[in-house]
Amino acid sequence: MRCVIARFPFDFVMSEVEGLMSGVRPEPAVGPCAVIGRRTYPVKQVGEIITKQDRRDFTALEVTRALRRLGFTCVTNVAEPTTEPHA
């Protein structure tokens, strides 16, 4: 499927993205994330790997839109507040 990320056209299929992400350790899943296989990746990490571009060159929305069109589940994870014990 053709998608445009950072003004560059890419042709991706679901299996290709899964192959590129296999063996990649997910960064902490905070903010917009995509579920690929059994792992949840931040969409900026996925975008950087599949496009080979710097993640400052595209938005999370561009990658989220492309991944949803390919059939991946995209979610927004919120960081859990850390609670420190009171002395």
C-alpha atoms as a PDB file:
ATOM      1  CA  MET A   1       0.000   0.000   0.000  1.00  0.00           C
ATOM      2  CA  ARG A   2       1.319   3.393  -0.918  1.00  0.00           C
ATOM      3  CA  CYS A   3       1.614   5.912   1.903  1.00  0.00           C
ATOM      4  CA  VAL A   4       3.340   9.254   2.223  1.00  0.00           C
ATOM      5  CA  ILE A   5       5.505   9.960   5.246  1.00  0.00           C
ATOM      6  CA  ALA A   6       7.501  13.199   5.477  1.00  0.00           C
ATOM      7  CA  ARG A   7       6.561  13.995   1.864  1.00  0.00           C
ATOM      8  CA  PHE A   8       8.169  10.774   0.592  1.00  0.00           C
ATOM      9  CA  PRO A   9       6.082   7.967  -0.911  1.00  0.00           C
ATOM     10  CA  PHE A  10       6.540   4.452   0.451  1.00  0.00           C
ATOM     11  CA  ASP A  11       5.012   1.141  -0.599  1.00  0.00           C
ATOM     12  CA  PHE A  12       4.505  -1.094   2.427  1.00  0.00           C
ATOM     13  CA  VAL A  13       2.666  -4.311   3.150  1.00  0.00           C
ATOM     14  CA  MET A  14       1.847  -5.584   6.619  1.00  0.00           C
ATOM     15  CA  SER A  15       4.259  -8.531   6.438  1.00  0.00           C
ATOM     16  CA  GLU A  16       7.123  -6.252   5.388  1.00  0.00           C
ATOM     17  CA  VAL A  17       6.628  -3.987   8.414  1.00  0.00           C
ATOM     18  CA  GLU A  18       6.394  -7.034  10.693  1.00  0.00           C
ATOM     19  CA  GLY A  19       9.641  -8.362   9.217  1.00  0.00           C
ATOM     20  CA  LEU A  20      11.452  -5.062   9.681  1.00  0.00           C
ATOM     21  CA  MET A  21      10.299  -4.822  13.303  1.00  0.00           C
ATOM     22  CA  SER A  22      11.080  -8.435  14.247  1.00  0.00           C
ATOM     23  CA  GLY A  23      14.023  -8.550  16.584  1.00  0.00           C
ATOM     24  CA  VAL A  24      13.742  -4.847  17.418  1.00  0.00           C
ATOM     25  CA  ARG A  25      13.449  -4.158  21.132  1.00  0.00           C
ATOM     26  CA  PRO A  26      10.572  -1.750  21.805  1.00  0.00           C
ATOM     27  CA  GLU A  27      11.305   1.545  23.498  1.00  0.00           C
ATOM     28  CA  PRO A  28       9.050   2.501  26.430  1.00  0.00           C
ATOM     29  CA  ALA A  29       5.509   2.624  25.038  1.00  0.00           C
ATOM     30  CA  VAL A  30       4.371   6.164  25.806  1.00  0.00           C
ATOM     31  CA  GLY A  31       2.188   8.259  23.535  1.00  0.00           C
ATOM     32  CA  PRO A  32       1.004   6.998  20.143  1.00  0.00           C
ATOM     33  CA  CYS A  33       1.932   3.316  19.806  1.00  0.00           C
ATOM     34  CA  ALA A  34       1.392   0.474  17.366  1.00  0.00           C
ATOM     35  CA  VAL A  35       0.883  -3.174  18.214  1.00  0.00           C
ATOM     36  CA  ILE A  36       3.064  -5.243  15.896  1.00  0.00           C
ATOM     37  CA  GLY A  37       3.084  -8.939  16.606  1.00  0.00           C
ATOM     38  CA  ARG A  38       2.961  -9.287  20.364  1.00  0.00           C
ATOM     39  CA  ARG A  39       4.869  -6.081  21.065  1.00  0.00           C
ATOM     40  CA  THR A  40       3.830  -2.459  21.415  1.00  0.00           C
ATOM     41  CA  TYR A  41       6.150   0.071  19.791  1.00  0.00           C
ATOM     42  CA  PRO A  42       6.057   3.872  19.814  1.00  0.00           C
ATOM     43  CA  VAL A  43       5.032   4.912  16.285  1.00  0.00           C
ATOM     44  CA  LYS A  44       8.044   7.220  15.999  1.00  0.00           C
ATOM     45  CA  GLN A  45      10.340   4.213  16.537  1.00  0.00           C
ATOM     46  CA  VAL A  46       8.448   2.232  13.907  1.00  0.00           C
ATOM     47  CA  GLY A  47       8.551   5.155  11.468  1.00  0.00           C
ATOM     48  CA  GLU A  48      12.289   5.577  11.903  1.00  0.00           C
ATOM     49  CA  ILE A  49      12.942   1.905  11.199  1.00  0.00           C
ATOM     50  CA  ILE A  50      10.604   1.400   8.255  1.00  0.00           C
ATOM     51  CA  THR A  51      11.425   4.688   6.475  1.00  0.00           C
ATOM     52  CA  LYS A  52      15.102   4.938   7.489  1.00  0.00           C
ATOM     53  CA  GLN A  53      14.504   8.631   8.199  1.00  0.00           C
ATOM     54  CA  ASP A  54      15.250  10.632  11.302  1.00  0.00           C
ATOM     55  CA  ARG A  55      12.193  10.671  13.540  1.00  0.00           C
ATOM     56  CA  ARG A  56      12.252  14.472  13.590  1.00  0.00           C
ATOM     57  CA  ASP A  57      11.377  14.436   9.872  1.00  0.00           C
ATOM     58  CA  PHE A  58       7.830  13.090  10.303  1.00  0.00           C
ATOM     59  CA  THR A  59       4.951  13.285  12.743  1.00  0.00           C
ATOM     60  CA  ALA A  60       3.485  10.497  14.813  1.00  0.00           C
ATOM     61  CA  LEU A  61       0.161  11.128  13.085  1.00  0.00           C
ATOM     62  CA  GLU A  62       1.626  10.386   9.634  1.00  0.00           C
ATOM     63  CA  VAL A  63       2.991   7.027  10.793  1.00  0.00           C
ATOM     64  CA  THR A  64      -0.136   6.186  12.805  1.00  0.00           C
ATOM     65  CA  ARG A  65      -2.323   6.832   9.771  1.00  0.00           C
ATOM     66  CA  ALA A  66      -0.118   4.643   7.556  1.00  0.00           C
ATOM     67  CA  LEU A  67       0.025   1.793  10.086  1.00  0.00           C
ATOM     68  CA  ARG A  68      -3.746   1.829  10.584  1.00  0.00           C
ATOM     69  CA  ARG A  69      -4.279   1.654   6.825  1.00  0.00           C
ATOM     70  CA  LEU A  70      -1.988  -1.392   6.768  1.00  0.00           C
ATOM     71  CA  GLY A  71      -4.152  -3.053   9.430  1.00  0.00           C
ATOM     72  CA  PHE A  72      -2.152  -2.540  12.606  1.00  0.00           C
ATOM     73  CA  THR A  73      -3.791  -1.600  15.891  1.00  0.00           C
ATOM     74  CA  CYS A  74      -2.693   1.825  17.102  1.00  0.00           C
ATOM     75  CA  VAL A  75      -3.264   3.031  20.654  1.00  0.00           C
ATOM     76  CA  THR A  76      -2.240   5.940  22.833  1.00  0.00           C
ATOM     77  CA  ASN A  77      -0.410   4.852  25.955  1.00  0.00           C
ATOM     78  CA  VAL A  78      -0.199   7.250  28.864  1.00  0.00           C
ATOM     79  CA  ALA A  79       2.753   7.124  31.204  1.00  0.00           C
ATOM     80  CA  GLU A  80       1.787   5.751  34.573  1.00  0.00           C
ATOM     81  CA  PRO A  81       2.510   8.221  37.360  1.00  0.00           C
ATOM     82  CA  THR A  82       5.298   7.101  39.603  1.00  0.00           C
ATOM     83  CA  THR A  83       4.379   7.112  43.250  1.00  0.00           C
ATOM     84  CA  GLU A  84       7.128   7.606  45.725  1.00  0.00           C
ATOM     85  CA  PRO A  85       6.565   6.487  49.286  1.00  0.00           C
ATOM     86  CA  HIS A  86       6.208   9.301  51.761  1.00  0.00           C
ATOM     87  CA  ALA A  87       8.670   9.277  54.602  1.00  0.00           C
END
